[in-house]
PDB file of N, CA and C in Angstrom:
ATOM      1  N   MET A   1      96.051  73.648 105.880  1.00  0.00           N
ATOM      2  CA  MET A   1      95.557  73.296 104.559  1.00  0.00           C
ATOM      3  C   MET A   1      96.576  73.754 103.519  1.00  0.00           C
ATOM      4  N   GLY A   2      96.804  72.904 102.572  1.00  0.00           N
ATOM      5  CA  GLY A   2      97.718  73.256 101.500  1.00  0.00           C
ATOM      6  C   GLY A   2      96.990  74.028 100.416  1.00  0.00           C
ATOM      7  N   GLU A   3      97.720  74.469  99.425  1.00  0.00           N
ATOM      8  CA  GLU A   3      97.119  75.234  98.332  1.00  0.00           C
ATOM      9  C   GLU A   3      96.133  74.397  97.531  1.00  0.00           C
ATOM     10  N   ASP A   4      96.325  73.076  97.546  1.00  0.00           N
ATOM     11  CA  ASP A   4      95.444  72.182  96.807  1.00  0.00           C
ATOM     12  C   ASP A   4      94.177  71.809  97.582  1.00  0.00           C
ATOM     13  N   GLY A   5      94.014  72.374  98.793  1.00  0.00           N
ATOM     14  CA  GLY A   5      92.837  72.109  99.599  1.00  0.00           C
ATOM     15  C   GLY A   5      92.952  70.874 100.477  1.00  0.00           C
ATOM     16  N   LEU A   6      94.111  70.255 100.507  1.00  0.00           N
ATOM     17  CA  LEU A   6      94.335  69.075 101.328  1.00  0.00           C
ATOM     18  C   LEU A   6      95.167  69.435 102.550  1.00  0.00           C
ATOM     19  N   ARG A   7      94.958  68.710 103.611  1.00  0.00           N
ATOM     20  CA  ARG A   7      95.762  68.927 104.815  1.00  0.00           C
ATOM     21  C   ARG A   7      97.161  68.385 104.571  1.00  0.00           C
ATOM     22  N   THR A   8      98.138  69.110 105.049  1.00  0.00           N
ATOM     23  CA  THR A   8      99.513  68.680 104.852  1.00  0.00           C
ATOM     24  C   THR A   8     100.236  68.634 106.196  1.00  0.00           C
ATOM     25  N   THR A   9     101.268  67.827 106.243  1.00  0.00           N
ATOM     26  CA  THR A   9     102.121  67.720 107.413  1.00  0.00           C
ATOM     27  C   THR A   9     103.519  68.105 106.973  1.00  0.00           C
ATOM     28  N   PRO A  10     104.233  68.877 107.772  1.00  0.00           N
ATOM     29  CA  PRO A  10     105.591  69.279 107.382  1.00  0.00           C
ATOM     30  C   PRO A  10     106.459  68.063 107.052  1.00  0.00           C
ATOM     31  N   GLU A  11     107.274  68.202 106.043  1.00  0.00           N
ATOM     32  CA  GLU A  11     108.149  67.116 105.584  1.00  0.00           C
ATOM     33  C   GLU A  11     109.034  66.579 106.710  1.00  0.00           C
ATOM     34  N   ASP A  12     109.474  67.455 107.615  1.00  0.00           N
ATOM     35  CA  ASP A  12     110.329  67.021 108.724  1.00  0.00           C
ATOM     36  C   ASP A  12     109.644  65.976 109.599  1.00  0.00           C
ATOM     37  N   CYS A  13     108.330  66.036 109.685  1.00  0.00           N
ATOM     38  CA  CYS A  13     107.605  65.074 110.514  1.00  0.00           C
ATOM     39  C   CYS A  13     107.707  63.662 109.945  1.00  0.00           C
ATOM     40  N   TYR A  14     107.819  63.529 108.656  1.00  0.00           N
ATOM     41  CA  TYR A  14     107.866  62.206 108.061  1.00  0.00           C
ATOM     42  C   TYR A  14     109.279  61.660 107.913  1.00  0.00           C
ATOM     43  N   SER A  15     110.224  62.524 107.694  1.00  0.00           N
ATOM     44  CA  SER A  15     111.564  62.016 107.417  1.00  0.00           C
ATOM     45  C   SER A  15     112.477  61.969 108.633  1.00  0.00           C
ATOM     46  N   ASN A  16     112.339  62.875 109.570  1.00  0.00           N
ATOM     47  CA  ASN A  16     113.307  62.958 110.663  1.00  0.00           C
ATOM     48  C   ASN A  16     112.744  62.767 112.059  1.00  0.00           C
ATOM     49  N   CYS A  17     111.464  62.561 112.215  1.00  0.00           N
ATOM     50  CA  CYS A  17     110.860  62.556 113.546  1.00  0.00           C
ATOM     51  C   CYS A  17     110.509  61.137 113.989  1.00  0.00           C
ATOM     52  N   SER A  18     110.986  60.771 115.157  1.00  0.00           N
ATOM     53  CA  SER A  18     110.697  59.432 115.668  1.00  0.00           C
ATOM     54  C   SER A  18     109.403  59.372 116.474  1.00  0.00           C
ATOM     55  N   VAL A  19     108.825  60.517 116.814  1.00  0.00           N
ATOM     56  CA  VAL A  19     107.587  60.553 117.605  1.00  0.00           C
ATOM     57  C   VAL A  19     106.425  61.161 116.834  1.00  0.00           C
ATOM     58  N   LYS A  20     106.463  61.055 115.509  1.00  0.00           N
ATOM     59  CA  LYS A  20     105.464  61.727 114.680  1.00  0.00           C
ATOM     60  C   LYS A  20     104.039  61.256 114.966  1.00  0.00           C
ATOM     61  N   THR A  21     103.854  59.959 115.175  1.00  0.00           N
ATOM     62  CA  THR A  21     102.510  59.450 115.413  1.00  0.00           C
ATOM     63  C   THR A  21     101.949  59.999 116.720  1.00  0.00           C
ATOM     64  N   HIS A  22     102.747  59.960 117.762  1.00  0.00           N
ATOM     65  CA  HIS A  22     102.317  60.500 119.055  1.00  0.00           C
ATOM     66  C   HIS A  22     102.019  61.999 118.942  1.00  0.00           C
ATOM     67  N   CYS A  23     102.872  62.710 118.274  1.00  0.00           N
ATOM     68  CA  CYS A  23     102.716  64.157 118.104  1.00  0.00           C
ATOM     69  C   CYS A  23     101.427  64.492 117.355  1.00  0.00           C
ATOM     70  N   LEU A  24     101.171  63.799 116.258  1.00  0.00           N
ATOM     71  CA  LEU A  24      99.964  64.058 115.472  1.00  0.00           C
ATOM     72  C   LEU A  24      98.703  63.693 116.252  1.00  0.00           C
ATOM     73  N   ARG A  25      98.757  62.608 117.017  1.00  0.00           N
ATOM     74  CA  ARG A  25      97.599  62.242 117.845  1.00  0.00           C
ATOM     75  C   ARG A  25      97.321  63.309 118.895  1.00  0.00           C
ATOM     76  N   GLN A  26      98.363  63.809 119.524  1.00  0.00           N
ATOM     77  CA  GLN A  26      98.195  64.865 120.525  1.00  0.00           C
ATOM     78  C   GLN A  26      97.617  66.127 119.880  1.00  0.00           C
ATOM     79  N   ALA A  27      98.085  66.452 118.701  1.00  0.00           N
ATOM     80  CA  ALA A  27      97.567  67.637 118.004  1.00  0.00           C
ATOM     81  C   ALA A  27      96.082  67.483 117.690  1.00  0.00           C
ATOM     82  N   MET A  28      95.667  66.279 117.316  1.00  0.00           N
ATOM     83  CA  MET A  28      94.261  66.042 117.010  1.00  0.00           C
ATOM     84  C   MET A  28      93.393  66.103 118.261  1.00  0.00           C
ATOM     85  N   LYS A  29      93.952  65.833 119.430  1.00  0.00           N
ATOM     86  CA  LYS A  29      93.191  65.896 120.678  1.00  0.00           C
ATOM     87  C   LYS A  29      93.045  67.325 121.185  1.00  0.00           C
ATOM     88  N   GLY A  30      93.883  68.217 120.719  1.00  0.00           N
ATOM     89  CA  GLY A  30      93.853  69.602 121.171  1.00  0.00           C
ATOM     90  C   GLY A  30      92.792  70.422 120.463  1.00  0.00           C
ATOM     91  N   PRO A  31      92.680  71.682 120.829  1.00  0.00           N
ATOM     92  CA  PRO A  31      91.656  72.557 120.248  1.00  0.00           C
ATOM     93  C   PRO A  31      91.774  72.714 118.736  1.00  0.00           C
ATOM     94  N   GLN A  32      92.969  72.658 118.203  1.00  0.00           N
ATOM     95  CA  GLN A  32      93.125  72.801 116.755  1.00  0.00           C
ATOM     96  C   GLN A  32      92.687  71.557 115.995  1.00  0.00           C
ATOM     97  N   GLY A  33      92.539  70.437 116.692  1.00  0.00           N
ATOM     98  CA  GLY A  33      92.089  69.206 116.062  1.00  0.00           C
ATOM     99  C   GLY A  33      90.589  69.125 115.886  1.00  0.00           C
ATOM    100  N   ILE A  34      89.841  69.958 116.616  1.00  0.00           N
ATOM    101  CA  ILE A  34      88.380  69.912 116.562  1.00  0.00           C
ATOM    102  C   ILE A  34      87.847  70.211 115.158  1.00  0.00           C
ATOM    103  N   PRO A  35      88.301  71.268 114.491  1.00  0.00           N
ATOM    104  CA  PRO A  35      87.796  71.506 113.135  1.00  0.00           C
ATOM    105  C   PRO A  35      88.142  70.363 112.178  1.00  0.00           C
ATOM    106  N   VAL A  36      89.281  69.730 112.379  1.00  0.00           N
ATOM    107  CA  VAL A  36      89.682  68.615 111.522  1.00  0.00           C
ATOM    108  C   VAL A  36      88.732  67.437 111.741  1.00  0.00           C
ATOM    109  N   GLN A  37      88.415  67.150 112.994  1.00  0.00           N
ATOM    110  CA  GLN A  37      87.487  66.059 113.295  1.00  0.00           C
ATOM    111  C   GLN A  37      86.103  66.332 112.714  1.00  0.00           C
ATOM    112  N   GLU A  38      85.647  67.569 112.828  1.00  0.00           N
ATOM    113  CA  GLU A  38      84.348  67.932 112.261  1.00  0.00           C
ATOM    114  C   GLU A  38      84.361  67.797 110.740  1.00  0.00           C
ATOM    115  N   GLU A  39      85.466  68.170 110.138  1.00  0.00           N
ATOM    116  CA  GLU A  39      85.599  68.054 108.686  1.00  0.00           C
ATOM    117  C   GLU A  39      85.524  66.586 108.258  1.00  0.00           C
ATOM    118  N   LEU A  40      86.159  65.707 109.002  1.00  0.00           N
ATOM    119  CA  LEU A  40      86.110  64.280 108.696  1.00  0.00           C
ATOM    120  C   LEU A  40      84.688  63.742 108.785  1.00  0.00           C
ATOM    121  N   ILE A  41      83.948  64.189 109.786  1.00  0.00           N
ATOM    122  CA  ILE A  41      82.556  63.763 109.929  1.00  0.00           C
ATOM    123  C   ILE A  41      81.739  64.243 108.735  1.00  0.00           C
ATOM    124  N   THR A  42      81.954  65.481 108.325  1.00  0.00           N
ATOM    125  CA  THR A  42      81.223  66.042 107.185  1.00  0.00           C
ATOM    126  C   THR A  42      81.537  65.271 105.916  1.00  0.00           C
ATOM    127  N   ARG A  43      82.806  64.907 105.730  1.00  0.00           N
ATOM    128  CA  ARG A  43      83.174  64.116 104.549  1.00  0.00           C
ATOM    129  C   ARG A  43      82.491  62.757 104.557  1.00  0.00           C
ATOM    130  N   GLN A  44      82.414  62.130 105.731  1.00  0.00           N
ATOM    131  CA  GLN A  44      81.742  60.838 105.832  1.00  0.00           C
ATOM    132  C   GLN A  44      80.263  60.985 105.507  1.00  0.00           C
ATOM    133  N   GLU A  45      79.689  62.092 105.942  1.00  0.00           N
ATOM    134  CA  GLU A  45      78.282  62.354 105.675  1.00  0.00           C
ATOM    135  C   GLU A  45      78.046  62.465 104.171  1.00  0.00           C
ATOM    136  N   GLN A  46      78.926  63.157 103.488  1.00  0.00           N
ATOM    137  CA  GLN A  46      78.777  63.371 102.056  1.00  0.00           C
ATOM    138  C   GLN A  46      78.919  62.075 101.270  1.00  0.00           C
ATOM    139  N   THR A  47      79.749  61.158 101.770  1.00  0.00           N
ATOM    140  CA  THR A  47      79.953  59.902 101.050  1.00  0.00           C
ATOM    141  C   THR A  47      79.020  58.803 101.539  1.00  0.00           C
ATOM    142  N   GLY A  48      78.249  59.085 102.581  1.00  0.00           N
ATOM    143  CA  GLY A  48      77.292  58.117 103.080  1.00  0.00           C
ATOM    144  C   GLY A  48      77.910  57.007 103.923  1.00  0.00           C
ATOM    145  N   LEU A  49      79.107  57.206 104.441  1.00  0.00           N
ATOM    146  CA  LEU A  49      79.773  56.163 105.208  1.00  0.00           C
ATOM    147  C   LEU A  49      79.258  56.018 106.630  1.00  0.00           C
ATOM    148  N   ALA A  50      78.746  57.073 107.188  1.00  0.00           N
ATOM    149  CA  ALA A  50      78.283  57.012 108.578  1.00  0.00           C
ATOM    150  C   ALA A  50      76.803  57.355 108.632  1.00  0.00           C
ATOM    151  N   GLY A  51      76.094  56.676 109.504  1.00  0.00           N
ATOM    152  CA  GLY A  51      74.679  56.947 109.678  1.00  0.00           C
ATOM    153  C   GLY A  51      74.453  58.242 110.429  1.00  0.00           C
ATOM    154  N   PHE A  52      73.233  58.737 110.377  1.00  0.00           N
ATOM    155  CA  PHE A  52      72.881  60.008 111.003  1.00  0.00           C
ATOM    156  C   PHE A  52      73.225  60.014 112.481  1.00  0.00           C
ATOM    157  N   PHE A  53      72.838  58.976 113.214  1.00  0.00           N
ATOM    158  CA  PHE A  53      73.059  58.967 114.650  1.00  0.00           C
ATOM    159  C   PHE A  53      74.535  58.858 115.004  1.00  0.00           C
ATOM    160  N   GLN A  54      75.315  58.152 114.196  1.00  0.00           N
ATOM    161  CA  GLN A  54      76.761  58.099 114.429  1.00  0.00           C
ATOM    162  C   GLN A  54      77.373  59.482 114.281  1.00  0.00           C
ATOM    163  N   ARG A  55      77.010  60.186 113.221  1.00  0.00           N
ATOM    164  CA  ARG A  55      77.545  61.533 112.993  1.00  0.00           C
ATOM    165  C   ARG A  55      77.116  62.474 114.114  1.00  0.00           C
ATOM    166  N   TRP A  56      75.842  62.428 114.480  1.00  0.00           N
ATOM    167  CA  TRP A  56      75.329  63.285 115.533  1.00  0.00           C
ATOM    168  C   TRP A  56      76.068  63.029 116.840  1.00  0.00           C
ATOM    169  N   SER A  57      76.265  61.768 117.167  1.00  0.00           N
ATOM    170  CA  SER A  57      76.946  61.401 118.401  1.00  0.00           C
ATOM    171  C   SER A  57      78.391  61.887 118.401  1.00  0.00           C
ATOM    172  N   ARG A  58      79.092  61.714 117.299  1.00  0.00           N
ATOM    173  CA  ARG A  58      80.487  62.149 117.224  1.00  0.00           C
ATOM    174  C   ARG A  58      80.599  63.664 117.304  1.00  0.00           C
ATOM    175  N   LYS A  59      79.701  64.377 116.619  1.00  0.00           N
ATOM    176  CA  LYS A  59      79.726  65.838 116.678  1.00  0.00           C
ATOM    177  C   LYS A  59      79.446  66.333 118.094  1.00  0.00           C
ATOM    178  N   LYS A  60      78.500  65.694 118.762  1.00  0.00           N
ATOM    179  CA  LYS A  60      78.176  66.084 120.132  1.00  0.00           C
ATOM    180  C   LYS A  60      79.377  65.854 121.045  1.00  0.00           C
ATOM    181  N   GLN A  61      80.053  64.739 120.869  1.00  0.00           N
ATOM    182  CA  GLN A  61      81.231  64.432 121.668  1.00  0.00           C
ATOM    183  C   GLN A  61      82.337  65.469 121.436  1.00  0.00           C
ATOM    184  N   ILE A  62      82.557  65.857 120.201  1.00  0.00           N
ATOM    185  CA  ILE A  62      83.576  66.857 119.863  1.00  0.00           C
ATOM    186  C   ILE A  62      83.230  68.192 120.511  1.00  0.00           C
ATOM    187  N   HIS A  63      81.974  68.589 120.428  1.00  0.00           N
ATOM    188  CA  HIS A  63      81.566  69.869 121.007  1.00  0.00           C
ATOM    189  C   HIS A  63      81.685  69.857 122.529  1.00  0.00           C
ATOM    190  N   ARG A  64      81.389  68.723 123.144  1.00  0.00           N
ATOM    191  CA  ARG A  64      81.564  68.619 124.594  1.00  0.00           C
ATOM    192  C   ARG A  64      83.027  68.814 124.967  1.00  0.00           C
ATOM    193  N   GLN A  65      83.921  68.200 124.208  1.00  0.00           N
ATOM    194  CA  GLN A  65      85.350  68.347 124.465  1.00  0.00           C
ATOM    195  C   GLN A  65      85.766  69.801 124.300  1.00  0.00           C
ATOM    196  N   GLN A  66      85.265  70.435 123.276  1.00  0.00           N
ATOM    197  CA  GLN A  66      85.616  71.833 123.011  1.00  0.00           C
ATOM    198  C   GLN A  66      85.169  72.728 124.145  1.00  0.00           C
ATOM    199  N   TYR A  67      83.947  72.571 124.626  1.00  0.00           N
ATOM    200  CA  TYR A  67      83.432  73.443 125.675  1.00  0.00           C
ATOM    201  C   TYR A  67      84.020  73.104 127.034  1.00  0.00           C
ATOM    202  N   SER A  68      84.386  71.853 127.273  1.00  0.00           N
ATOM    203  CA  SER A  68      84.984  71.504 128.551  1.00  0.00           C
ATOM    204  C   SER A  68      86.382  72.108 128.686  1.00  0.00           C
ATOM    205  N   ARG A  69      87.068  72.297 127.587  1.00  0.00           N
ATOM    206  CA  ARG A  69      88.389  72.928 127.613  1.00  0.00           C
ATOM    207  C   ARG A  69      88.294  74.425 127.839  1.00  0.00           C
ATOM    208  N   LYS A  70      87.216  75.033 127.341  1.00  0.00           N
ATOM    209  CA  LYS A  70      87.047  76.484 127.515  1.00  0.00           C
ATOM    210  C   LYS A  70      86.614  76.820 128.926  1.00  0.00           C
ATOM    211  N   GLY A  71      85.787  75.956 129.526  1.00  0.00           N
ATOM    212  CA  GLY A  71      85.208  76.253 130.830  1.00  0.00           C
ATOM    213  C   GLY A  71      86.022  75.715 131.923  1.00  0.00           C
TER     214      GLY A  71
END
C-alpha cells in the first residue's frame, strides 16, 4: 500500500519487465494475494457491484485456498 492508501507496483515492473503480467498474476495466487482479493470483494460490496451470494462464494473460495496451503 502506498502512502495515499492505494496499492502500488514498483516502477521497474512497468518500464523494464517483460514478464510483469505473469509475475503479478502469480503474486495474486500466492498467500500475499489473499488479502488483496478480499479487499476487492469488500470494495465491490460497498459499491453494490456483486450480489450477496457472489461475494460469499468468492470469499469461501479464497479461504479454502488459504487453508489448503497451510495444511
